[in-house]
PDB file of N, CA and C in Angstrom:
ATOM      1  N   UNK A   1      10.703 108.287-170.170  1.00  0.00           N
ATOM      2  CA  UNK A   1      11.919 108.071-169.408  1.00  0.00           C
ATOM      3  C   UNK A   1      12.666 106.883-170.004  1.00  0.00           C
ATOM      4  N   UNK A   2      13.948 107.058-170.222  1.00  0.00           N
ATOM      5  CA  UNK A   2      14.790 105.992-170.754  1.00  0.00           C
ATOM      6  C   UNK A   2      15.493 105.280-169.617  1.00  0.00           C
ATOM      7  N   UNK A   3      15.624 103.970-169.761  1.00  0.00           N
ATOM      8  CA  UNK A   3      16.360 103.194-168.778  1.00  0.00           C
ATOM      9  C   UNK A   3      17.379 102.340-169.515  1.00  0.00           C
ATOM     10  N   UNK A   4      18.610 102.456-169.109  1.00  0.00           N
ATOM     11  CA  UNK A   4      19.663 101.639-169.698  1.00  0.00           C
ATOM     12  C   UNK A   4      19.668 100.287-169.002  1.00  0.00           C
ATOM     13  N   UNK A   5      19.587  99.243-169.785  1.00  0.00           N
ATOM     14  CA  UNK A   5      19.625  97.879-169.266  1.00  0.00           C
ATOM     15  C   UNK A   5      20.954  97.281-169.685  1.00  0.00           C
ATOM     16  N   UNK A   6      21.797  96.968-168.716  1.00  0.00           N
ATOM     17  CA  UNK A   6      23.121  96.434-169.017  1.00  0.00           C
ATOM     18  C   UNK A   6      23.282  94.972-168.621  1.00  0.00           C
ATOM     19  N   UNK A   7      22.372  94.457-167.797  1.00  0.00           N
ATOM     20  CA  UNK A   7      22.475  93.072-167.342  1.00  0.00           C
ATOM     21  C   UNK A   7      21.097  92.408-167.366  1.00  0.00           C
ATOM     22  N   UNK A   8      21.054  91.090-167.456  1.00  0.00           N
ATOM     23  CA  UNK A   8      19.763  90.406-167.395  1.00  0.00           C
ATOM     24  C   UNK A   8      18.988  90.699-166.113  1.00  0.00           C
ATOM     25  N   UNK A   9      19.668  90.785-164.979  1.00  0.00           N
ATOM     26  CA  UNK A   9      18.946  91.045-163.729  1.00  0.00           C
ATOM     27  C   UNK A   9      18.281  92.418-163.758  1.00  0.00           C
ATOM     28  N   UNK A  10      18.920  93.399-164.390  1.00  0.00           N
ATOM     29  CA  UNK A  10      18.300  94.719-164.519  1.00  0.00           C
ATOM     30  C   UNK A  10      17.049  94.632-165.391  1.00  0.00           C
ATOM     31  N   UNK A  11      17.105  93.821-166.440  1.00  0.00           N
ATOM     32  CA  UNK A  11      15.945  93.644-167.296  1.00  0.00           C
ATOM     33  C   UNK A  11      14.783  93.047-166.508  1.00  0.00           C
ATOM     34  N   UNK A  12      15.055  92.022-165.719  1.00  0.00           N
ATOM     35  CA  UNK A  12      14.001  91.397-164.915  1.00  0.00           C
ATOM     36  C   UNK A  12      13.364  92.369-163.951  1.00  0.00           C
ATOM     37  N   UNK A  13      14.184  93.177-163.280  1.00  0.00           N
ATOM     38  CA  UNK A  13      13.653  94.170-162.344  1.00  0.00           C
ATOM     39  C   UNK A  13      12.794  95.209-163.059  1.00  0.00           C
ATOM     40  N   UNK A  14      13.221  95.627-164.240  1.00  0.00           N
ATOM     41  CA  UNK A  14      12.455  96.612-165.000  1.00  0.00           C
ATOM     42  C   UNK A  14      11.134  96.039-165.491  1.00  0.00           C
ATOM     43  N   UNK A  15      11.148  94.804-165.961  1.00  0.00           N
ATOM     44  CA  UNK A  15       9.904  94.179-166.411  1.00  0.00           C
ATOM     45  C   UNK A  15       8.895  94.098-165.277  1.00  0.00           C
ATOM     46  N   UNK A  16       9.341  93.661-164.114  1.00  0.00           N
ATOM     47  CA  UNK A  16       8.457  93.569-162.953  1.00  0.00           C
ATOM     48  C   UNK A  16       7.954  94.953-162.550  1.00  0.00           C
ATOM     49  N   UNK A  17       8.849  95.934-162.543  1.00  0.00           N
ATOM     50  CA  UNK A  17       8.484  97.294-162.164  1.00  0.00           C
ATOM     51  C   UNK A  17       7.451  97.884-163.123  1.00  0.00           C
ATOM     52  N   UNK A  18       7.649  97.696-164.416  1.00  0.00           N
ATOM     53  CA  UNK A  18       6.697  98.212-165.397  1.00  0.00           C
ATOM     54  C   UNK A  18       5.335  97.527-165.263  1.00  0.00           C
ATOM     55  N   UNK A  19       5.356  96.220-165.031  1.00  0.00           N
ATOM     56  CA  UNK A  19       4.094  95.490-164.862  1.00  0.00           C
ATOM     57  C   UNK A  19       3.342  95.996-163.641  1.00  0.00           C
ATOM     58  N   UNK A  20       4.045  96.147-162.545  1.00  0.00           N
ATOM     59  CA  UNK A  20       3.409  96.613-161.310  1.00  0.00           C
ATOM     60  C   UNK A  20       2.936  98.056-161.427  1.00  0.00           C
ATOM     61  N   UNK A  21       3.695  98.897-162.119  1.00  0.00           N
ATOM     62  CA  UNK A  21       3.304 100.299-162.300  1.00  0.00           C
ATOM     63  C   UNK A  21       1.986 100.405-163.076  1.00  0.00           C
ATOM     64  N   UNK A  22       1.684  99.404-163.890  1.00  0.00           N
ATOM     65  CA  UNK A  22       0.442  99.383-164.647  1.00  0.00           C
ATOM     66  C   UNK A  22      -0.647  98.575-163.933  1.00  0.00           C
ATOM     67  N   UNK A  23      -0.366  98.204-162.684  1.00  0.00           N
ATOM     68  CA  UNK A  23      -1.313  97.445-161.852  1.00  0.00           C
ATOM     69  C   UNK A  23      -1.790  96.171-162.546  1.00  0.00           C
ATOM     70  N   UNK A  24      -0.840  95.466-163.157  1.00  0.00           N
ATOM     71  CA  UNK A  24      -1.151  94.207-163.821  1.00  0.00           C
ATOM     72  C   UNK A  24      -0.539  93.051-163.057  1.00  0.00           C
ATOM     73  N   UNK A  25      -1.262  91.965-162.994  1.00  0.00           N
ATOM     74  CA  UNK A  25      -0.716  90.756-162.388  1.00  0.00           C
ATOM     75  C   UNK A  25       0.052  89.972-163.448  1.00  0.00           C
ATOM     76  N   UNK A  26       0.856  89.038-162.994  1.00  0.00           N
ATOM     77  CA  UNK A  26       1.555  88.164-163.927  1.00  0.00           C
ATOM     78  C   UNK A  26       0.554  87.379-164.767  1.00  0.00           C
ATOM     79  N   UNK A  27      -0.538  86.959-164.163  1.00  0.00           N
ATOM     80  CA  UNK A  27      -1.558  86.198-164.889  1.00  0.00           C
ATOM     81  C   UNK A  27      -2.179  87.045-165.996  1.00  0.00           C
ATOM     82  N   UNK A  28      -2.461  88.329-165.715  1.00  0.00           N
ATOM     83  CA  UNK A  28      -3.052  89.202-166.734  1.00  0.00           C
ATOM     84  C   UNK A  28      -2.105  89.406-167.914  1.00  0.00           C
ATOM     85  N   UNK A  29      -0.857  89.689-167.621  1.00  0.00           N
ATOM     86  CA  UNK A  29       0.123  89.893-168.690  1.00  0.00           C
ATOM     87  C   UNK A  29       0.327  88.592-169.456  1.00  0.00           C
ATOM     88  N   UNK A  30       0.416  87.489-168.730  1.00  0.00           N
ATOM     89  CA  UNK A  30       0.578  86.193-169.373  1.00  0.00           C
ATOM     90  C   UNK A  30      -0.540  85.893-170.351  1.00  0.00           C
ATOM     91  N   UNK A  31      -1.780  86.170-169.957  1.00  0.00           N
ATOM     92  CA  UNK A  31      -2.920  85.949-170.854  1.00  0.00           C
ATOM     93  C   UNK A  31      -2.792  86.801-172.119  1.00  0.00           C
ATOM     94  N   UNK A  32      -2.323  88.023-171.969  1.00  0.00           N
ATOM     95  CA  UNK A  32      -2.193  88.928-173.119  1.00  0.00           C
ATOM     96  C   UNK A  32      -1.184  88.426-174.147  1.00  0.00           C
ATOM     97  N   UNK A  33      -0.149  87.735-173.672  1.00  0.00           N
ATOM     98  CA  UNK A  33       0.909  87.319-174.599  1.00  0.00           C
ATOM     99  C   UNK A  33       0.991  85.805-174.785  1.00  0.00           C
ATOM    100  N   UNK A  34       0.046  85.079-174.210  1.00  0.00           N
ATOM    101  CA  UNK A  34      -0.016  83.637-174.421  1.00  0.00           C
ATOM    102  C   UNK A  34       0.936  82.819-173.577  1.00  0.00           C
ATOM    103  N   UNK A  35       1.264  83.305-172.381  1.00  0.00           N
ATOM    104  CA  UNK A  35       2.115  82.561-171.454  1.00  0.00           C
ATOM    105  C   UNK A  35       1.369  82.340-170.146  1.00  0.00           C
ATOM    106  N   UNK A  36       1.742  81.304-169.435  1.00  0.00           N
ATOM    107  CA  UNK A  36       1.139  81.064-168.126  1.00  0.00           C
ATOM    108  C   UNK A  36       1.725  82.033-167.100  1.00  0.00           C
ATOM    109  N   UNK A  37       1.029  82.191-165.998  1.00  0.00           N
ATOM    110  CA  UNK A  37       1.533  83.036-164.907  1.00  0.00           C
ATOM    111  C   UNK A  37       2.854  82.484-164.408  1.00  0.00           C
ATOM    112  N   UNK A  38       2.943  81.180-164.308  1.00  0.00           N
ATOM    113  CA  UNK A  38       4.171  80.553-163.821  1.00  0.00           C
ATOM    114  C   UNK A  38       5.353  80.862-164.742  1.00  0.00           C
ATOM    115  N   UNK A  39       5.131  80.774-166.052  1.00  0.00           N
ATOM    116  CA  UNK A  39       6.212  81.060-167.011  1.00  0.00           C
ATOM    117  C   UNK A  39       6.635  82.523-166.926  1.00  0.00           C
ATOM    118  N   UNK A  40       5.671  83.436-166.787  1.00  0.00           N
ATOM    119  CA  UNK A  40       6.007  84.859-166.672  1.00  0.00           C
ATOM    120  C   UNK A  40       6.799  85.118-165.398  1.00  0.00           C
ATOM    121  N   UNK A  41       6.455  84.438-164.332  1.00  0.00           N
ATOM    122  CA  UNK A  41       7.208  84.567-163.084  1.00  0.00           C
ATOM    123  C   UNK A  41       8.655  84.136-163.284  1.00  0.00           C
ATOM    124  N   UNK A  42       8.847  83.023-163.963  1.00  0.00           N
ATOM    125  CA  UNK A  42      10.206  82.540-164.246  1.00  0.00           C
ATOM    126  C   UNK A  42      10.968  83.564-165.080  1.00  0.00           C
ATOM    127  N   UNK A  43      10.322  84.137-166.077  1.00  0.00           N
ATOM    128  CA  UNK A  43      10.999  85.093-166.949  1.00  0.00           C
ATOM    129  C   UNK A  43      11.362  86.388-166.215  1.00  0.00           C
ATOM    130  N   UNK A  44      10.535  86.818-165.280  1.00  0.00           N
ATOM    131  CA  UNK A  44      10.879  88.004-164.489  1.00  0.00           C
ATOM    132  C   UNK A  44      12.080  87.731-163.590  1.00  0.00           C
ATOM    133  N   UNK A  45      12.161  86.514-163.071  1.00  0.00           N
ATOM    134  CA  UNK A  45      13.275  86.162-162.190  1.00  0.00           C
ATOM    135  C   UNK A  45      14.526  85.756-162.956  1.00  0.00           C
ATOM    136  N   UNK A  46      14.341  85.230-164.169  1.00  0.00           N
ATOM    137  CA  UNK A  46      15.456  84.753-164.990  1.00  0.00           C
ATOM    138  C   UNK A  46      15.302  85.300-166.413  1.00  0.00           C
ATOM    139  N   UNK A  47      15.455  86.604-166.588  1.00  0.00           N
ATOM    140  CA  UNK A  47      15.220  87.195-167.908  1.00  0.00           C
ATOM    141  C   UNK A  47      16.185  86.714-168.991  1.00  0.00           C
ATOM    142  N   UNK A  48      17.274  86.082-168.595  1.00  0.00           N
ATOM    143  CA  UNK A  48      18.193  85.530-169.602  1.00  0.00           C
ATOM    144  C   UNK A  48      17.517  84.412-170.395  1.00  0.00           C
ATOM    145  N   UNK A  49      16.399  83.916-169.906  1.00  0.00           N
ATOM    146  CA  UNK A  49      15.648  82.862-170.598  1.00  0.00           C
ATOM    147  C   UNK A  49      14.627  83.416-171.593  1.00  0.00           C
ATOM    148  N   UNK A  50      14.486  84.735-171.656  1.00  0.00           N
ATOM    149  CA  UNK A  50      13.549  85.369-172.584  1.00  0.00           C
ATOM    150  C   UNK A  50      14.023  85.226-174.020  1.00  0.00           C
ATOM    151  N   UNK A  51      13.121  84.884-174.891  1.00  0.00           N
ATOM    152  CA  UNK A  51      13.442  84.944-176.317  1.00  0.00           C
ATOM    153  C   UNK A  51      13.182  86.387-176.778  1.00  0.00           C
ATOM    154  N   UNK A  52      13.721  86.731-177.922  1.00  0.00           N
ATOM    155  CA  UNK A  52      13.466  88.057-178.479  1.00  0.00           C
ATOM    156  C   UNK A  52      11.967  88.227-178.717  1.00  0.00           C
ATOM    157  N   UNK A  53      11.315  87.210-179.225  1.00  0.00           N
ATOM    158  CA  UNK A  53       9.872  87.279-179.477  1.00  0.00           C
ATOM    159  C   UNK A  53       9.104  87.534-178.176  1.00  0.00           C
ATOM    160  N   UNK A  54       9.501  86.872-177.093  1.00  0.00           N
ATOM    161  CA  UNK A  54       8.834  87.089-175.812  1.00  0.00           C
ATOM    162  C   UNK A  54       9.089  88.497-175.287  1.00  0.00           C
ATOM    163  N   UNK A  55      10.317  88.991-175.440  1.00  0.00           N
ATOM    164  CA  UNK A  55      10.630  90.349-174.997  1.00  0.00           C
ATOM    165  C   UNK A  55       9.782  91.361-175.763  1.00  0.00           C
ATOM    166  N   UNK A  56       9.670  91.194-177.070  1.00  0.00           N
ATOM    167  CA  UNK A  56       8.868  92.119-177.864  1.00  0.00           C
ATOM    168  C   UNK A  56       7.381  92.014-177.514  1.00  0.00           C
ATOM    169  N   UNK A  57       6.900  90.823-177.228  1.00  0.00           N
ATOM    170  CA  UNK A  57       5.502  90.651-176.798  1.00  0.00           C
ATOM    171  C   UNK A  57       5.270  91.336-175.455  1.00  0.00           C
ATOM    172  N   UNK A  58       6.205  91.161-174.535  1.00  0.00           N
ATOM    173  CA  UNK A  58       6.100  91.831-173.237  1.00  0.00           C
ATOM    174  C   UNK A  58       6.120  93.347-173.406  1.00  0.00           C
ATOM    175  N   UNK A  59       6.977  93.833-174.278  1.00  0.00           N
ATOM    176  CA  UNK A  59       7.045  95.274-174.532  1.00  0.00           C
ATOM    177  C   UNK A  59       5.685  95.795-174.985  1.00  0.00           C
ATOM    178  N   UNK A  60       5.067  95.088-175.896  1.00  0.00           N
ATOM    179  CA  UNK A  60       3.748  95.508-176.361  1.00  0.00           C
ATOM    180  C   UNK A  60       2.701  95.470-175.262  1.00  0.00           C
ATOM    181  N   UNK A  61       2.713  94.406-174.471  1.00  0.00           N
ATOM    182  CA  UNK A  61       1.720  94.252-173.405  1.00  0.00           C
ATOM    183  C   UNK A  61       1.905  95.275-172.289  1.00  0.00           C
ATOM    184  N   UNK A  62       3.147  95.677-172.044  1.00  0.00           N
ATOM    185  CA  UNK A  62       3.427  96.615-170.958  1.00  0.00           C
ATOM    186  C   UNK A  62       3.567  98.055-171.446  1.00  0.00           C
ATOM    187  N   UNK A  63       3.484  98.261-172.748  1.00  0.00           N
ATOM    188  CA  UNK A  63       3.508  99.608-173.292  1.00  0.00           C
ATOM    189  C   UNK A  63       4.868 100.276-173.316  1.00  0.00           C
ATOM    190  N   UNK A  64       5.908  99.526-173.648  1.00  0.00           N
ATOM    191  CA  UNK A  64       7.218 100.146-173.817  1.00  0.00           C
ATOM    192  C   UNK A  64       7.836  99.679-175.120  1.00  0.00           C
ATOM    193  N   UNK A  65       8.848 100.418-175.564  1.00  0.00           N
ATOM    194  CA  UNK A  65       9.558 100.097-176.795  1.00  0.00           C
ATOM    195  C   UNK A  65      10.916  99.508-176.473  1.00  0.00           C
ATOM    196  N   UNK A  66      11.377  98.629-177.325  1.00  0.00           N
ATOM    197  CA  UNK A  66      12.741  98.115-177.260  1.00  0.00           C
ATOM    198  C   UNK A  66      13.521  98.887-178.319  1.00  0.00           C
ATOM    199  N   UNK A  67      14.562  99.579-177.884  1.00  0.00           N
ATOM    200  CA  UNK A  67      15.336 100.431-178.785  1.00  0.00           C
ATOM    201  C   UNK A  67      16.789  99.983-178.759  1.00  0.00           C
ATOM    202  N   UNK A  68      17.360  99.850-179.936  1.00  0.00           N
ATOM    203  CA  UNK A  68      18.783  99.553-180.046  1.00  0.00           C
ATOM    204  C   UNK A  68      19.428 100.783-180.649  1.00  0.00           C
ATOM    205  N   UNK A  69      20.415 101.293-179.961  1.00  0.00           N
ATOM    206  CA  UNK A  69      21.109 102.478-180.453  1.00  0.00           C
ATOM    207  C   UNK A  69      22.575 102.391-180.096  1.00  0.00           C
ATOM    208  N   UNK A  70      23.411 103.079-180.849  1.00  0.00           N
ATOM    209  CA  UNK A  70      24.840 103.076-180.520  1.00  0.00           C
ATOM    210  C   UNK A  70      25.064 103.747-179.172  1.00  0.00           C
ATOM    211  N   UNK A  71      26.089 103.287-178.488  1.00  0.00           N
ATOM    212  CA  UNK A  71      26.464 103.931-177.233  1.00  0.00           C
ATOM    213  C   UNK A  71      27.009 105.318-177.531  1.00  0.00           C
ATOM    214  N   UNK A  72      26.906 106.196-176.551  1.00  0.00           N
ATOM    215  CA  UNK A  72      27.503 107.515-176.723  1.00  0.00           C
ATOM    216  C   UNK A  72      29.016 107.361-176.770  1.00  0.00           C
ATOM    217  N   UNK A  73      29.684 108.313-177.369  1.00  0.00           N
ATOM    218  CA  UNK A  73      31.139 108.240-177.519  1.00  0.00           C
ATOM    219  C   UNK A  73      31.813 108.069-176.168  1.00  0.00           C
ATOM    220  N   UNK A  74      31.330 108.758-175.150  1.00  0.00           N
ATOM    221  CA  UNK A  74      31.937 108.675-173.819  1.00  0.00           C
ATOM    222  C   UNK A  74      31.792 107.284-173.208  1.00  0.00           C
ATOM    223  N   UNK A  75      30.750 106.552-173.578  1.00  0.00           N
ATOM    224  CA  UNK A  75      30.496 105.237-172.979  1.00  0.00           C
ATOM    225  C   UNK A  75      31.174 104.100-173.734  1.00  0.00           C
ATOM    226  N   UNK A  76      31.691 104.361-174.943  1.00  0.00           N
ATOM    227  CA  UNK A  76      32.308 103.301-175.725  1.00  0.00           C
ATOM    228  C   UNK A  76      33.704 102.998-175.204  1.00  0.00           C
ATOM    229  N   UNK A  77      34.064 101.716-175.162  1.00  0.00           N
ATOM    230  CA  UNK A  77      35.422 101.369-174.729  1.00  0.00           C
ATOM    231  C   UNK A  77      36.443 101.835-175.763  1.00  0.00           C
ATOM    232  N   UNK A  78      37.595 102.192-175.286  1.00  0.00           N
ATOM    233  CA  UNK A  78      38.676 102.567-176.201  1.00  0.00           C
ATOM    234  C   UNK A  78      39.361 101.311-176.684  1.00  0.00           C
ATOM    235  N   UNK A  79      40.183 101.441-177.712  1.00  0.00           N
ATOM    236  CA  UNK A  79      40.865 100.265-178.237  1.00  0.00           C
ATOM    237  C   UNK A  79      41.801  99.650-177.205  1.00  0.00           C
ATOM    238  N   UNK A  80      42.309 100.465-176.270  1.00  0.00           N
ATOM    239  CA  UNK A  80      43.201  99.940-175.229  1.00  0.00           C
ATOM    240  C   UNK A  80      42.434  99.036-174.272  1.00  0.00           C
ATOM    241  N   UNK A  81      41.167  99.367-173.986  1.00  0.00           N
ATOM    242  CA  UNK A  81      40.388  98.554-173.054  1.00  0.00           C
ATOM    243  C   UNK A  81      39.644  97.434-173.758  1.00  0.00           C
ATOM    244  N   UNK A  82      39.488  97.541-175.067  1.00  0.00           N
ATOM    245  CA  UNK A  82      38.747  96.491-175.772  1.00  0.00           C
ATOM    246  C   UNK A  82      39.670  95.478-176.413  1.00  0.00           C
ATOM    247  N   UNK A  83      40.965  95.589-176.130  1.00  0.00           N
ATOM    248  CA  UNK A  83      41.896  94.617-176.672  1.00  0.00           C
ATOM    249  C   UNK A  83      42.245  94.883-178.121  1.00  0.00           C
ATOM    250  N   UNK A  84      41.923  96.101-178.620  1.00  0.00           N
ATOM    251  CA  UNK A  84      42.262  96.461-179.984  1.00  0.00           C
ATOM    252  C   UNK A  84      41.331  95.887-181.035  1.00  0.00           C
ATOM    253  N   UNK A  85      40.255  95.213-180.611  1.00  0.00           N
ATOM    254  CA  UNK A  85      39.307  94.661-181.576  1.00  0.00           C
ATOM    255  C   UNK A  85      38.598  95.785-182.304  1.00  0.00           C
ATOM    256  N   UNK A  86      38.324  95.568-183.552  1.00  0.00           N
ATOM    257  CA  UNK A  86      37.598  96.574-184.335  1.00  0.00           C
ATOM    258  C   UNK A  86      36.177  96.684-183.823  1.00  0.00           C
ATOM    259  N   UNK A  87      35.669  97.920-183.779  1.00  0.00           N
ATOM    260  CA  UNK A  87      34.294  98.157-183.370  1.00  0.00           C
ATOM    261  C   UNK A  87      33.391  97.985-184.574  1.00  0.00           C
ATOM    262  N   UNK A  88      32.172  97.488-184.354  1.00  0.00           N
ATOM    263  CA  UNK A  88      31.265  97.335-185.483  1.00  0.00           C
ATOM    264  C   UNK A  88      30.861  98.699-186.024  1.00  0.00           C
ATOM    265  N   UNK A  89      30.686  98.781-187.322  1.00  0.00           N
ATOM    266  CA  UNK A  89      30.217 100.015-187.952  1.00  0.00           C
ATOM    267  C   UNK A  89      28.699 100.021-187.906  1.00  0.00           C
ATOM    268  N   UNK A  90      28.109 100.959-187.255  1.00  0.00           N
ATOM    269  CA  UNK A  90      26.653 101.087-187.183  1.00  0.00           C
ATOM    270  C   UNK A  90      26.246 102.084-188.214  1.00  0.00           C
TER     271      UNK A  90
END
């Protein structure tokens, strides 16, 4: 199942949900990736504080992949809504 994450708060909710779905405590996940339970709690509540390395470590510990892909054509902003800025070439 794919989940689109558009905001940091959505990321935090998904991380907590995935951890709980695997019946893991914050302490267990923290031990797996070298973080304290307290730090993992902070990251679930404030995912904007996650480093890329921590996100990838969490992905491995919780059994999910981080995927970057272009948005579908229907979801991309048009030049009128994006202020005419050039879109990156992927």
